[in-house]
Amino acid sequence: MLNFMVLVGKVKEIPEIRLTAAGTKIATMLLEVDRGFRNSNGEYDQDVFNVVLWRGVAETCADLLRPGSVVAVKGRLQAHNYEPKEGQTYYNAEIVAEKVSFISVKPISNPPLAEMAV
């Protein structure tokens, strides 16, 4: 069996680092990916995927990526389901990144001098 994904898209927001209970670094980012065909208006629709980043990958992406940066993500699809009190089951899928390649990184804007720590 094979669970392998490669996506190329634009970062929607800056990934934020969190720590698990065990102290492992984790971050999530939203990746906007164009569909491979045009809609009835002649435009490309996009799908937005939740990408989970672990350890060093999470730290590097949080430090360097900005909205609009283009990246390639290699990883696997992971599915979750949960059942709230109402008894209906909900399903969720996310991509767990194994490798992130930076294709076009948006520059990090320099903060004004008044905001810089001394």
PDB file of N, CA and C in Angstrom:
ATOM      1  N   MET A   1       0.839  -1.179   0.000  1.00  0.00           N
ATOM      2  CA  MET A   1       0.000   0.000   0.000  1.00  0.00           C
ATOM      3  C   MET A   1       0.881   1.239   0.000  1.00  0.00           C
ATOM      4  N   LEU A   2       0.314   2.336  -0.470  1.00  0.00           N
ATOM      5  CA  LEU A   2       1.092   3.548  -0.620  1.00  0.00           C
ATOM      6  C   LEU A   2       0.292   4.747  -0.153  1.00  0.00           C
ATOM      7  N   ASN A   3       0.888   5.562   0.684  1.00  0.00           N
ATOM      8  CA  ASN A   3       0.280   6.810   1.136  1.00  0.00           C
ATOM      9  C   ASN A   3       1.344   7.880   0.941  1.00  0.00           C
ATOM     10  N   PHE A   4       1.289   8.554  -0.209  1.00  0.00           N
ATOM     11  CA  PHE A   4       2.328   9.487  -0.606  1.00  0.00           C
ATOM     12  C   PHE A   4       1.681  10.674  -1.299  1.00  0.00           C
ATOM     13  N   MET A   5       2.024  11.889  -0.870  1.00  0.00           N
ATOM     14  CA  MET A   5       1.449  13.098  -1.468  1.00  0.00           C
ATOM     15  C   MET A   5       2.557  14.084  -1.772  1.00  0.00           C
ATOM     16  N   VAL A   6       2.399  14.777  -2.895  1.00  0.00           N
ATOM     17  CA  VAL A   6       3.259  15.900  -3.234  1.00  0.00           C
ATOM     18  C   VAL A   6       2.339  17.035  -3.656  1.00  0.00           C
ATOM     19  N   LEU A   7       2.461  18.167  -2.988  1.00  0.00           N
ATOM     20  CA  LEU A   7       1.651  19.343  -3.296  1.00  0.00           C
ATOM     21  C   LEU A   7       2.576  20.540  -3.499  1.00  0.00           C
ATOM     22  N   VAL A   8       2.236  21.380  -4.467  1.00  0.00           N
ATOM     23  CA  VAL A   8       2.940  22.636  -4.673  1.00  0.00           C
ATOM     24  C   VAL A   8       1.903  23.733  -4.592  1.00  0.00           C
ATOM     25  N   GLY A   9       2.119  24.696  -3.698  1.00  0.00           N
ATOM     26  CA  GLY A   9       1.136  25.748  -3.533  1.00  0.00           C
ATOM     27  C   GLY A   9       1.682  26.926  -2.758  1.00  0.00           C
ATOM     28  N   LYS A  10       0.769  27.875  -2.473  1.00  0.00           N
ATOM     29  CA  LYS A  10       1.120  29.100  -1.753  1.00  0.00           C
ATOM     30  C   LYS A  10       0.714  28.993  -0.286  1.00  0.00           C
ATOM     31  N   VAL A  11       1.587  29.470   0.578  1.00  0.00           N
ATOM     32  CA  VAL A  11       1.319  29.514   2.012  1.00  0.00           C
ATOM     33  C   VAL A  11       0.275  30.605   2.270  1.00  0.00           C
ATOM     34  N   LYS A  12      -0.762  30.281   3.039  1.00  0.00           N
ATOM     35  CA  LYS A  12      -1.838  31.241   3.330  1.00  0.00           C
ATOM     36  C   LYS A  12      -1.552  32.098   4.562  1.00  0.00           C
ATOM     37  N   GLU A  13      -0.878  31.538   5.558  1.00  0.00           N
ATOM     38  CA  GLU A  13      -0.578  32.287   6.786  1.00  0.00           C
ATOM     39  C   GLU A  13       0.708  31.742   7.398  1.00  0.00           C
ATOM     40  N   ILE A  14       1.320  32.535   8.255  1.00  0.00           N
ATOM     41  CA  ILE A  14       2.586  32.141   8.868  1.00  0.00           C
ATOM     42  C   ILE A  14       2.351  30.967   9.822  1.00  0.00           C
ATOM     43  N   PRO A  15       3.104  29.866   9.661  1.00  0.00           N
ATOM     44  CA  PRO A  15       2.972  28.750  10.611  1.00  0.00           C
ATOM     45  C   PRO A  15       3.425  29.191  11.998  1.00  0.00           C
ATOM     46  N   GLU A  16       2.690  28.785  13.023  1.00  0.00           N
ATOM     47  CA  GLU A  16       3.047  29.130  14.400  1.00  0.00           C
ATOM     48  C   GLU A  16       3.448  27.874  15.159  1.00  0.00           C
ATOM     49  N   ILE A  17       4.584  27.955  15.828  1.00  0.00           N
ATOM     50  CA  ILE A  17       5.120  26.822  16.594  1.00  0.00           C
ATOM     51  C   ILE A  17       4.328  26.628  17.880  1.00  0.00           C
ATOM     52  N   ARG A  18       4.012  25.373  18.158  1.00  0.00           N
ATOM     53  CA  ARG A  18       3.440  24.966  19.445  1.00  0.00           C
ATOM     54  C   ARG A  18       4.303  23.821  19.973  1.00  0.00           C
ATOM     55  N   LEU A  19       4.112  23.481  21.216  1.00  0.00           N
ATOM     56  CA  LEU A  19       4.823  22.340  21.796  1.00  0.00           C
ATOM     57  C   LEU A  19       3.815  21.288  22.222  1.00  0.00           C
ATOM     58  N   THR A  20       4.133  20.018  21.956  1.00  0.00           N
ATOM     59  CA  THR A  20       3.295  18.936  22.451  1.00  0.00           C
ATOM     60  C   THR A  20       3.556  18.770  23.945  1.00  0.00           C
ATOM     61  N   ALA A  21       2.787  17.916  24.598  1.00  0.00           N
ATOM     62  CA  ALA A  21       2.986  17.664  26.029  1.00  0.00           C
ATOM     63  C   ALA A  21       4.387  17.131  26.300  1.00  0.00           C
ATOM     64  N   ALA A  22       4.958  16.433  25.302  1.00  0.00           N
ATOM     65  CA  ALA A  22       6.304  15.874  25.454  1.00  0.00           C
ATOM     66  C   ALA A  22       7.390  16.878  25.090  1.00  0.00           C
ATOM     67  N   GLY A  23       6.999  18.094  24.657  1.00  0.00           N
ATOM     68  CA  GLY A  23       7.974  19.128  24.327  1.00  0.00           C
ATOM     69  C   GLY A  23       8.433  19.125  22.875  1.00  0.00           C
ATOM     70  N   THR A  24       7.769  18.356  22.015  1.00  0.00           N
ATOM     71  CA  THR A  24       8.122  18.303  20.598  1.00  0.00           C
ATOM     72  C   THR A  24       7.501  19.490  19.870  1.00  0.00           C
ATOM     73  N   LYS A  25       8.277  20.127  18.987  1.00  0.00           N
ATOM     74  CA  LYS A  25       7.767  21.270  18.231  1.00  0.00           C
ATOM     75  C   LYS A  25       6.854  20.792  17.107  1.00  0.00           C
ATOM     76  N   ILE A  26       5.740  21.507  16.941  1.00  0.00           N
ATOM     77  CA  ILE A  26       4.761  21.194  15.903  1.00  0.00           C
ATOM     78  C   ILE A  26       4.168  22.517  15.411  1.00  0.00           C
ATOM     79  N   ALA A  27       3.844  22.574  14.138  1.00  0.00           N
ATOM     80  CA  ALA A  27       3.184  23.748  13.567  1.00  0.00           C
ATOM     81  C   ALA A  27       2.242  23.260  12.474  1.00  0.00           C
ATOM     82  N   THR A  28       1.272  24.080  12.146  1.00  0.00           N
ATOM     83  CA  THR A  28       0.398  23.785  11.016  1.00  0.00           C
ATOM     84  C   THR A  28       0.414  24.990  10.085  1.00  0.00           C
ATOM     85  N   MET A  29       0.233  24.710   8.810  1.00  0.00           N
ATOM     86  CA  MET A  29       0.116  25.795   7.847  1.00  0.00           C
ATOM     87  C   MET A  29      -0.973  25.440   6.846  1.00  0.00           C
ATOM     88  N   LEU A  30      -1.596  26.469   6.312  1.00  0.00           N
ATOM     89  CA  LEU A  30      -2.583  26.285   5.264  1.00  0.00           C
ATOM     90  C   LEU A  30      -1.885  26.487   3.930  1.00  0.00           C
ATOM     91  N   LEU A  31      -2.069  25.517   3.022  1.00  0.00           N
ATOM     92  CA  LEU A  31      -1.443  25.563   1.709  1.00  0.00           C
ATOM     93  C   LEU A  31      -2.520  25.638   0.648  1.00  0.00           C
ATOM     94  N   GLU A  32      -2.487  26.698  -0.165  1.00  0.00           N
ATOM     95  CA  GLU A  32      -3.468  26.913  -1.232  1.00  0.00           C
ATOM     96  C   GLU A  32      -2.884  26.361  -2.541  1.00  0.00           C
ATOM     97  N   VAL A  33      -3.614  25.414  -3.140  1.00  0.00           N
ATOM     98  CA  VAL A  33      -3.140  24.722  -4.338  1.00  0.00           C
ATOM     99  C   VAL A  33      -4.152  24.915  -5.457  1.00  0.00           C
ATOM    100  N   ASP A  34      -3.670  25.388  -6.614  1.00  0.00           N
ATOM    101  CA  ASP A  34      -4.557  25.531  -7.776  1.00  0.00           C
ATOM    102  C   ASP A  34      -4.983  24.164  -8.285  1.00  0.00           C
ATOM    103  N   ARG A  35      -6.240  24.069  -8.730  1.00  0.00           N
ATOM    104  CA  ARG A  35      -6.705  22.863  -9.397  1.00  0.00           C
ATOM    105  C   ARG A  35      -6.129  22.841 -10.809  1.00  0.00           C
ATOM    106  N   GLY A  36      -6.069  21.691 -11.407  1.00  0.00           N
ATOM    107  CA  GLY A  36      -5.434  21.528 -12.711  1.00  0.00           C
ATOM    108  C   GLY A  36      -6.318  21.859 -13.894  1.00  0.00           C
ATOM    109  N   PHE A  37      -7.427  22.521 -13.672  1.00  0.00           N
ATOM    110  CA  PHE A  37      -8.340  22.865 -14.763  1.00  0.00           C
ATOM    111  C   PHE A  37      -9.050  24.164 -14.419  1.00  0.00           C
ATOM    112  N   ARG A  38      -9.600  24.808 -15.423  1.00  0.00           N
ATOM    113  CA  ARG A  38     -10.301  26.079 -15.227  1.00  0.00           C
ATOM    114  C   ARG A  38     -11.786  25.830 -14.986  1.00  0.00           C
ATOM    115  N   ASN A  39     -12.420  26.724 -14.230  1.00  0.00           N
ATOM    116  CA  ASN A  39     -13.857  26.623 -13.985  1.00  0.00           C
ATOM    117  C   ASN A  39     -14.611  27.254 -15.159  1.00  0.00           C
ATOM    118  N   SER A  40     -15.922  27.377 -15.037  1.00  0.00           N
ATOM    119  CA  SER A  40     -16.741  27.906 -16.130  1.00  0.00           C
ATOM    120  C   SER A  40     -16.443  29.375 -16.429  1.00  0.00           C
ATOM    121  N   ASN A  41     -15.799  30.087 -15.489  1.00  0.00           N
ATOM    122  CA  ASN A  41     -15.415  31.484 -15.711  1.00  0.00           C
ATOM    123  C   ASN A  41     -14.006  31.612 -16.288  1.00  0.00           C
ATOM    124  N   GLY A  42     -13.362  30.474 -16.559  1.00  0.00           N
ATOM    125  CA  GLY A  42     -12.012  30.498 -17.115  1.00  0.00           C
ATOM    126  C   GLY A  42     -10.928  30.721 -16.080  1.00  0.00           C
ATOM    127  N   GLU A  43     -11.262  30.604 -14.799  1.00  0.00           N
ATOM    128  CA  GLU A  43     -10.297  30.817 -13.724  1.00  0.00           C
ATOM    129  C   GLU A  43      -9.990  29.502 -13.021  1.00  0.00           C
ATOM    130  N   TYR A  44      -8.836  29.465 -12.380  1.00  0.00           N
ATOM    131  CA  TYR A  44      -8.473  28.283 -11.596  1.00  0.00           C
ATOM    132  C   TYR A  44      -9.052  28.411 -10.190  1.00  0.00           C
ATOM    133  N   ASP A  45      -9.758  27.392  -9.735  1.00  0.00           N
ATOM    134  CA  ASP A  45     -10.189  27.329  -8.345  1.00  0.00           C
ATOM    135  C   ASP A  45      -9.019  26.794  -7.522  1.00  0.00           C
ATOM    136  N   GLN A  46      -9.061  27.040  -6.222  1.00  0.00           N
ATOM    137  CA  GLN A  46      -8.014  26.543  -5.336  1.00  0.00           C
ATOM    138  C   GLN A  46      -8.618  25.655  -4.261  1.00  0.00           C
ATOM    139  N   ASP A  47      -7.818  24.713  -3.836  1.00  0.00           N
ATOM    140  CA  ASP A  47      -8.126  23.918  -2.661  1.00  0.00           C
ATOM    141  C   ASP A  47      -7.144  24.339  -1.579  1.00  0.00           C
ATOM    142  N   VAL A  48      -7.597  24.346  -0.327  1.00  0.00           N
ATOM    143  CA  VAL A  48      -6.735  24.712   0.800  1.00  0.00           C
ATOM    144  C   VAL A  48      -6.563  23.475   1.674  1.00  0.00           C
ATOM    145  N   PHE A  49      -5.305  23.124   1.907  1.00  0.00           N
ATOM    146  CA  PHE A  49      -4.976  21.930   2.685  1.00  0.00           C
ATOM    147  C   PHE A  49      -4.296  22.316   3.986  1.00  0.00           C
ATOM    148  N   ASN A  50      -4.628  21.593   5.038  1.00  0.00           N
ATOM    149  CA  ASN A  50      -3.975  21.752   6.325  1.00  0.00           C
ATOM    150  C   ASN A  50      -2.732  20.857   6.319  1.00  0.00           C
ATOM    151  N   VAL A  51      -1.560  21.458   6.531  1.00  0.00           N
ATOM    152  CA  VAL A  51      -0.299  20.716   6.530  1.00  0.00           C
ATOM    153  C   VAL A  51       0.296  20.764   7.931  1.00  0.00           C
ATOM    154  N   VAL A  52       0.636  19.598   8.467  1.00  0.00           N
ATOM    155  CA  VAL A  52       1.230  19.490   9.798  1.00  0.00           C
ATOM    156  C   VAL A  52       2.739  19.370   9.645  1.00  0.00           C
ATOM    157  N   LEU A  53       3.460  20.193  10.389  1.00  0.00           N
ATOM    158  CA  LEU A  53       4.921  20.240  10.334  1.00  0.00           C
ATOM    159  C   LEU A  53       5.480  19.852  11.701  1.00  0.00           C
ATOM    160  N   TRP A  54       6.493  19.008  11.717  1.00  0.00           N
ATOM    161  CA  TRP A  54       7.070  18.543  12.967  1.00  0.00           C
ATOM    162  C   TRP A  54       8.527  18.969  13.106  1.00  0.00           C
ATOM    163  N   ARG A  55       8.962  19.138  14.313  1.00  0.00           N
ATOM    164  CA  ARG A  55      10.347  19.342  14.740  1.00  0.00           C
ATOM    165  C   ARG A  55      11.071  20.418  13.933  1.00  0.00           C
ATOM    166  N   GLY A  56      12.196  20.071  13.310  1.00  0.00           N
ATOM    167  CA  GLY A  56      13.010  21.039  12.587  1.00  0.00           C
ATOM    168  C   GLY A  56      12.303  21.632  11.380  1.00  0.00           C
ATOM    169  N   VAL A  57      11.477  20.829  10.714  1.00  0.00           N
ATOM    170  CA  VAL A  57      10.710  21.332   9.570  1.00  0.00           C
ATOM    171  C   VAL A  57       9.763  22.432  10.043  1.00  0.00           C
ATOM    172  N   ALA A  58       9.127  22.211  11.179  1.00  0.00           N
ATOM    173  CA  ALA A  58       8.209  23.209  11.738  1.00  0.00           C
ATOM    174  C   ALA A  58       8.950  24.496  12.058  1.00  0.00           C
ATOM    175  N   GLU A  59      10.102  24.373  12.676  1.00  0.00           N
ATOM    176  CA  GLU A  59      10.869  25.550  13.082  1.00  0.00           C
ATOM    177  C   GLU A  59      11.357  26.347  11.866  1.00  0.00           C
ATOM    178  N   THR A  60      11.888  25.655  10.875  1.00  0.00           N
ATOM    179  CA  THR A  60      12.388  26.330   9.672  1.00  0.00           C
ATOM    180  C   THR A  60      11.262  27.028   8.923  1.00  0.00           C
ATOM    181  N   CYS A  61      10.131  26.350   8.763  1.00  0.00           N
ATOM    182  CA  CYS A  61       8.998  26.947   8.047  1.00  0.00           C
ATOM    183  C   CYS A  61       8.446  28.160   8.795  1.00  0.00           C
ATOM    184  N   ALA A  62       8.342  28.067  10.116  1.00  0.00           N
ATOM    185  CA  ALA A  62       7.831  29.194  10.902  1.00  0.00           C
ATOM    186  C   ALA A  62       8.770  30.393  10.810  1.00  0.00           C
ATOM    187  N   ASP A  63      10.069  30.149  10.734  1.00  0.00           N
ATOM    188  CA  ASP A  63      11.049  31.234  10.664  1.00  0.00           C
ATOM    189  C   ASP A  63      11.084  31.910   9.292  1.00  0.00           C
ATOM    190  N   LEU A  64      10.915  31.143   8.220  1.00  0.00           N
ATOM    191  CA  LEU A  64      11.195  31.668   6.887  1.00  0.00           C
ATOM    192  C   LEU A  64       9.981  31.913   5.997  1.00  0.00           C
ATOM    193  N   LEU A  65       8.877  31.212   6.221  1.00  0.00           N
ATOM    194  CA  LEU A  65       7.744  31.330   5.299  1.00  0.00           C
ATOM    195  C   LEU A  65       6.819  32.475   5.674  1.00  0.00           C
ATOM    196  N   ARG A  66       6.283  33.111   4.666  1.00  0.00           N
ATOM    197  CA  ARG A  66       5.313  34.190   4.806  1.00  0.00           C
ATOM    198  C   ARG A  66       4.170  33.934   3.844  1.00  0.00           C
ATOM    199  N   PRO A  67       3.014  34.550   4.068  1.00  0.00           N
ATOM    200  CA  PRO A  67       1.901  34.367   3.131  1.00  0.00           C
ATOM    201  C   PRO A  67       2.337  34.712   1.704  1.00  0.00           C
ATOM    202  N   GLY A  68       1.995  33.829   0.776  1.00  0.00           N
ATOM    203  CA  GLY A  68       2.377  34.015  -0.616  1.00  0.00           C
ATOM    204  C   GLY A  68       3.617  33.254  -1.020  1.00  0.00           C
ATOM    205  N   SER A  69       4.396  32.767  -0.046  1.00  0.00           N
ATOM    206  CA  SER A  69       5.558  31.946  -0.373  1.00  0.00           C
ATOM    207  C   SER A  69       5.079  30.675  -1.074  1.00  0.00           C
ATOM    208  N   VAL A  70       5.836  30.234  -2.075  1.00  0.00           N
ATOM    209  CA  VAL A  70       5.482  29.013  -2.805  1.00  0.00           C
ATOM    210  C   VAL A  70       6.393  27.893  -2.327  1.00  0.00           C
ATOM    211  N   VAL A  71       5.782  26.772  -1.936  1.00  0.00           N
ATOM    212  CA  VAL A  71       6.533  25.621  -1.430  1.00  0.00           C
ATOM    213  C   VAL A  71       6.032  24.337  -2.058  1.00  0.00           C
ATOM    214  N   ALA A  72       6.889  23.336  -2.047  1.00  0.00           N
ATOM    215  CA  ALA A  72       6.514  21.975  -2.409  1.00  0.00           C
ATOM    216  C   ALA A  72       6.541  21.158  -1.118  1.00  0.00           C
ATOM    217  N   VAL A  73       5.491  20.408  -0.885  1.00  0.00           N
ATOM    218  CA  VAL A  73       5.395  19.589   0.328  1.00  0.00           C
ATOM    219  C   VAL A  73       5.319  18.126  -0.077  1.00  0.00           C
ATOM    220  N   LYS A  74       6.219  17.325   0.486  1.00  0.00           N
ATOM    221  CA  LYS A  74       6.179  15.880   0.301  1.00  0.00           C
ATOM    222  C   LYS A  74       5.766  15.280   1.638  1.00  0.00           C
ATOM    223  N   GLY A  75       4.772  14.405   1.623  1.00  0.00           N
ATOM    224  CA  GLY A  75       4.326  13.828   2.877  1.00  0.00           C
ATOM    225  C   GLY A  75       3.282  12.750   2.686  1.00  0.00           C
ATOM    226  N   ARG A  76       2.463  12.582   3.710  1.00  0.00           N
ATOM    227  CA  ARG A  76       1.425  11.552   3.676  1.00  0.00           C
ATOM    228  C   ARG A  76       0.107  12.146   4.141  1.00  0.00           C
ATOM    229  N   LEU A  77      -0.977  11.528   3.722  1.00  0.00           N
ATOM    230  CA  LEU A  77      -2.311  11.945   4.130  1.00  0.00           C
ATOM    231  C   LEU A  77      -2.671  11.204   5.410  1.00  0.00           C
ATOM    232  N   GLN A  78      -3.156  11.938   6.392  1.00  0.00           N
ATOM    233  CA  GLN A  78      -3.558  11.337   7.668  1.00  0.00           C
ATOM    234  C   GLN A  78      -4.995  11.729   7.952  1.00  0.00           C
ATOM    235  N   ALA A  79      -5.815  10.753   8.271  1.00  0.00           N
ATOM    236  CA  ALA A  79      -7.241  10.998   8.515  1.00  0.00           C
ATOM    237  C   ALA A  79      -7.559  10.830   9.996  1.00  0.00           C
ATOM    238  N   HIS A  80      -8.515  11.652  10.457  1.00  0.00           N
ATOM    239  CA  HIS A  80      -9.013  11.589  11.830  1.00  0.00           C
ATOM    240  C   HIS A  80     -10.535  11.580  11.764  1.00  0.00           C
ATOM    241  N   ASN A  81     -11.145  10.987  12.753  1.00  0.00           N
ATOM    242  CA  ASN A  81     -12.589  11.157  12.900  1.00  0.00           C
ATOM    243  C   ASN A  81     -12.899  11.367  14.373  1.00  0.00           C
ATOM    244  N   TYR A  82     -13.985  12.046  14.612  1.00  0.00           N
ATOM    245  CA  TYR A  82     -14.405  12.275  15.991  1.00  0.00           C
ATOM    246  C   TYR A  82     -15.923  12.311  16.031  1.00  0.00           C
ATOM    247  N   GLU A  83     -16.451  12.025  17.203  1.00  0.00           N
ATOM    248  CA  GLU A  83     -17.893  11.949  17.390  1.00  0.00           C
ATOM    249  C   GLU A  83     -18.278  12.814  18.584  1.00  0.00           C
ATOM    250  N   PRO A  84     -18.823  14.012  18.313  1.00  0.00           N
ATOM    251  CA  PRO A  84     -19.261  14.861  19.431  1.00  0.00           C
ATOM    252  C   PRO A  84     -20.497  14.263  20.110  1.00  0.00           C
ATOM    253  N   LYS A  85     -21.002  14.956  21.085  1.00  0.00           N
ATOM    254  CA  LYS A  85     -22.110  14.441  21.891  1.00  0.00           C
ATOM    255  C   LYS A  85     -23.355  14.109  21.080  1.00  0.00           C
ATOM    256  N   GLU A  86     -23.547  14.800  19.926  1.00  0.00           N
ATOM    257  CA  GLU A  86     -24.761  14.559  19.135  1.00  0.00           C
ATOM    258  C   GLU A  86     -24.775  13.180  18.492  1.00  0.00           C
ATOM    259  N   GLY A  87     -23.626  12.515  18.428  1.00  0.00           N
ATOM    260  CA  GLY A  87     -23.571  11.182  17.880  1.00  0.00           C
ATOM    261  C   GLY A  87     -23.234  11.111  16.399  1.00  0.00           C
ATOM    262  N   GLN A  88     -23.106  12.237  15.718  1.00  0.00           N
ATOM    263  CA  GLN A  88     -22.731  12.235  14.311  1.00  0.00           C
ATOM    264  C   GLN A  88     -21.213  12.205  14.204  1.00  0.00           C
ATOM    265  N   THR A  89     -20.687  11.391  13.296  1.00  0.00           N
ATOM    266  CA  THR A  89     -19.251  11.273  13.127  1.00  0.00           C
ATOM    267  C   THR A  89     -18.753  12.286  12.108  1.00  0.00           C
ATOM    268  N   TYR A  90     -17.664  12.985  12.442  1.00  0.00           N
ATOM    269  CA  TYR A  90     -17.035  13.944  11.552  1.00  0.00           C
ATOM    270  C   TYR A  90     -15.667  13.420  11.142  1.00  0.00           C
ATOM    271  N   TYR A  91     -15.302  13.682   9.898  1.00  0.00           N
ATOM    272  CA  TYR A  91     -14.035  13.215   9.363  1.00  0.00           C
ATOM    273  C   TYR A  91     -13.178  14.402   8.948  1.00  0.00           C
ATOM    274  N   ASN A  92     -11.873  14.270   9.163  1.00  0.00           N
ATOM    275  CA  ASN A  92     -10.936  15.324   8.825  1.00  0.00           C
ATOM    276  C   ASN A  92      -9.676  14.677   8.258  1.00  0.00           C
ATOM    277  N   ALA A  93      -9.071  15.311   7.269  1.00  0.00           N
ATOM    278  CA  ALA A  93      -7.807  14.815   6.711  1.00  0.00           C
ATOM    279  C   ALA A  93      -6.802  15.961   6.678  1.00  0.00           C
ATOM    280  N   GLU A  94      -5.543  15.631   6.867  1.00  0.00           N
ATOM    281  CA  GLU A  94      -4.468  16.608   6.823  1.00  0.00           C
ATOM    282  C   GLU A  94      -3.240  15.953   6.213  1.00  0.00           C
ATOM    283  N   ILE A  95      -2.345  16.776   5.724  1.00  0.00           N
ATOM    284  CA  ILE A  95      -1.099  16.275   5.172  1.00  0.00           C
ATOM    285  C   ILE A  95      -0.032  16.421   6.246  1.00  0.00           C
ATOM    286  N   VAL A  96       0.671  15.342   6.534  1.00  0.00           N
ATOM    287  CA  VAL A  96       1.789  15.383   7.468  1.00  0.00           C
ATOM    288  C   VAL A  96       3.054  15.492   6.623  1.00  0.00           C
ATOM    289  N   ALA A  97       3.733  16.625   6.724  1.00  0.00           N
ATOM    290  CA  ALA A  97       4.893  16.903   5.880  1.00  0.00           C
ATOM    291  C   ALA A  97       6.109  16.132   6.354  1.00  0.00           C
ATOM    292  N   GLU A  98       6.790  15.513   5.403  1.00  0.00           N
ATOM    293  CA  GLU A  98       8.086  14.896   5.668  1.00  0.00           C
ATOM    294  C   GLU A  98       9.209  15.803   5.187  1.00  0.00           C
ATOM    295  N   LYS A  99       8.921  16.553   4.098  1.00  0.00           N
ATOM    296  CA  LYS A  99       9.915  17.459   3.526  1.00  0.00           C
ATOM    297  C   LYS A  99       9.191  18.653   2.924  1.00  0.00           C
ATOM    298  N   VAL A 100       9.741  19.845   3.123  1.00  0.00           N
ATOM    299  CA  VAL A 100       9.207  21.068   2.521  1.00  0.00           C
ATOM    300  C   VAL A 100      10.343  21.723   1.750  1.00  0.00           C
ATOM    301  N   SER A 101      10.117  21.946   0.448  1.00  0.00           N
ATOM    302  CA  SER A 101      11.106  22.624  -0.391  1.00  0.00           C
ATOM    303  C   SER A 101      10.610  24.025  -0.702  1.00  0.00           C
ATOM    304  N   PHE A 102      11.461  25.010  -0.492  1.00  0.00           N
ATOM    305  CA  PHE A 102      11.094  26.403  -0.730  1.00  0.00           C
ATOM    306  C   PHE A 102      11.341  26.713  -2.202  1.00  0.00           C
ATOM    307  N   ILE A 103      10.299  27.119  -2.913  1.00  0.00           N
ATOM    308  CA  ILE A 103      10.407  27.457  -4.327  1.00  0.00           C
ATOM    309  C   ILE A 103      10.550  28.966  -4.502  1.00  0.00           C
ATOM    310  N   SER A 104       9.701  29.721  -3.828  1.00  0.00           N
ATOM    311  CA  SER A 104       9.743  31.186  -3.902  1.00  0.00           C
ATOM    312  C   SER A 104       9.314  31.717  -2.543  1.00  0.00           C
ATOM    313  N   VAL A 105      10.252  32.238  -1.788  1.00  0.00           N
ATOM    314  CA  VAL A 105       9.969  32.707  -0.434  1.00  0.00           C
ATOM    315  C   VAL A 105       9.786  34.217  -0.447  1.00  0.00           C
ATOM    316  N   LYS A 106       8.679  34.670   0.129  1.00  0.00           N
ATOM    317  CA  LYS A 106       8.435  36.106   0.264  1.00  0.00           C
ATOM    318  C   LYS A 106       9.411  36.671   1.281  1.00  0.00           C
ATOM    319  N   PRO A 107       9.965  37.856   1.023  1.00  0.00           N
ATOM    320  CA  PRO A 107      10.918  38.433   1.979  1.00  0.00           C
ATOM    321  C   PRO A 107      10.241  38.777   3.298  1.00  0.00           C
ATOM    322  N   ILE A 108      11.012  38.651   4.362  1.00  0.00           N
ATOM    323  CA  ILE A 108      10.532  39.028   5.687  1.00  0.00           C
ATOM    324  C   ILE A 108      10.753  40.524   5.820  1.00  0.00           C
ATOM    325  N   SER A 109       9.676  41.252   6.058  1.00  0.00           N
ATOM    326  CA  SER A 109       9.813  42.707   6.169  1.00  0.00           C
ATOM    327  C   SER A 109      10.498  43.050   7.482  1.00  0.00           C
ATOM    328  N   ASN A 110      11.352  44.042   7.441  1.00  0.00           N
ATOM    329  CA  ASN A 110      12.053  44.484   8.642  1.00  0.00           C
ATOM    330  C   ASN A 110      11.135  45.360   9.474  1.00  0.00           C
ATOM    331  N   PRO A 111      11.060  45.116  10.787  1.00  0.00           N
ATOM    332  CA  PRO A 111      10.222  45.963  11.634  1.00  0.00           C
ATOM    333  C   PRO A 111      10.837  47.348  11.762  1.00  0.00           C
ATOM    334  N   PRO A 112      10.021  48.366  12.035  1.00  0.00           N
ATOM    335  CA  PRO A 112      10.575  49.701  12.273  1.00  0.00           C
ATOM    336  C   PRO A 112      11.548  49.673  13.440  1.00  0.00           C
ATOM    337  N   LEU A 113      12.515  50.575  13.415  1.00  0.00           N
ATOM    338  CA  LEU A 113      13.541  50.590  14.456  1.00  0.00           C
ATOM    339  C   LEU A 113      12.957  50.713  15.852  1.00  0.00           C
ATOM    340  N   ALA A 114      11.863  51.417  16.018  1.00  0.00           N
ATOM    341  CA  ALA A 114      11.266  51.599  17.334  1.00  0.00           C
ATOM    342  C   ALA A 114      10.769  50.283  17.909  1.00  0.00           C
ATOM    343  N   GLU A 115      10.452  49.299  17.047  1.00  0.00           N
ATOM    344  CA  GLU A 115       9.925  48.028  17.521  1.00  0.00           C
ATOM    345  C   GLU A 115      10.994  46.976  17.747  1.00  0.00           C
ATOM    346  N   MET A 116      12.208  47.243  17.328  1.00  0.00           N
ATOM    347  CA  MET A 116      13.269  46.256  17.468  1.00  0.00           C
ATOM    348  C   MET A 116      13.754  46.189  18.903  1.00  0.00           C
ATOM    349  N   ALA A 117      14.022  44.966  19.366  1.00  0.00           N
ATOM    350  CA  ALA A 117      14.538  44.781  20.718  1.00  0.00           C
ATOM    351  C   ALA A 117      15.998  45.201  20.760  1.00  0.00           C
ATOM    352  N   VAL A 118      16.402  45.760  21.863  1.00  0.00           N
ATOM    353  CA  VAL A 118      17.788  46.202  22.003  1.00  0.00           C
ATOM    354  C   VAL A 118      18.543  45.195  22.819  1.00  0.00           C
TER     355      VAL A 118
END
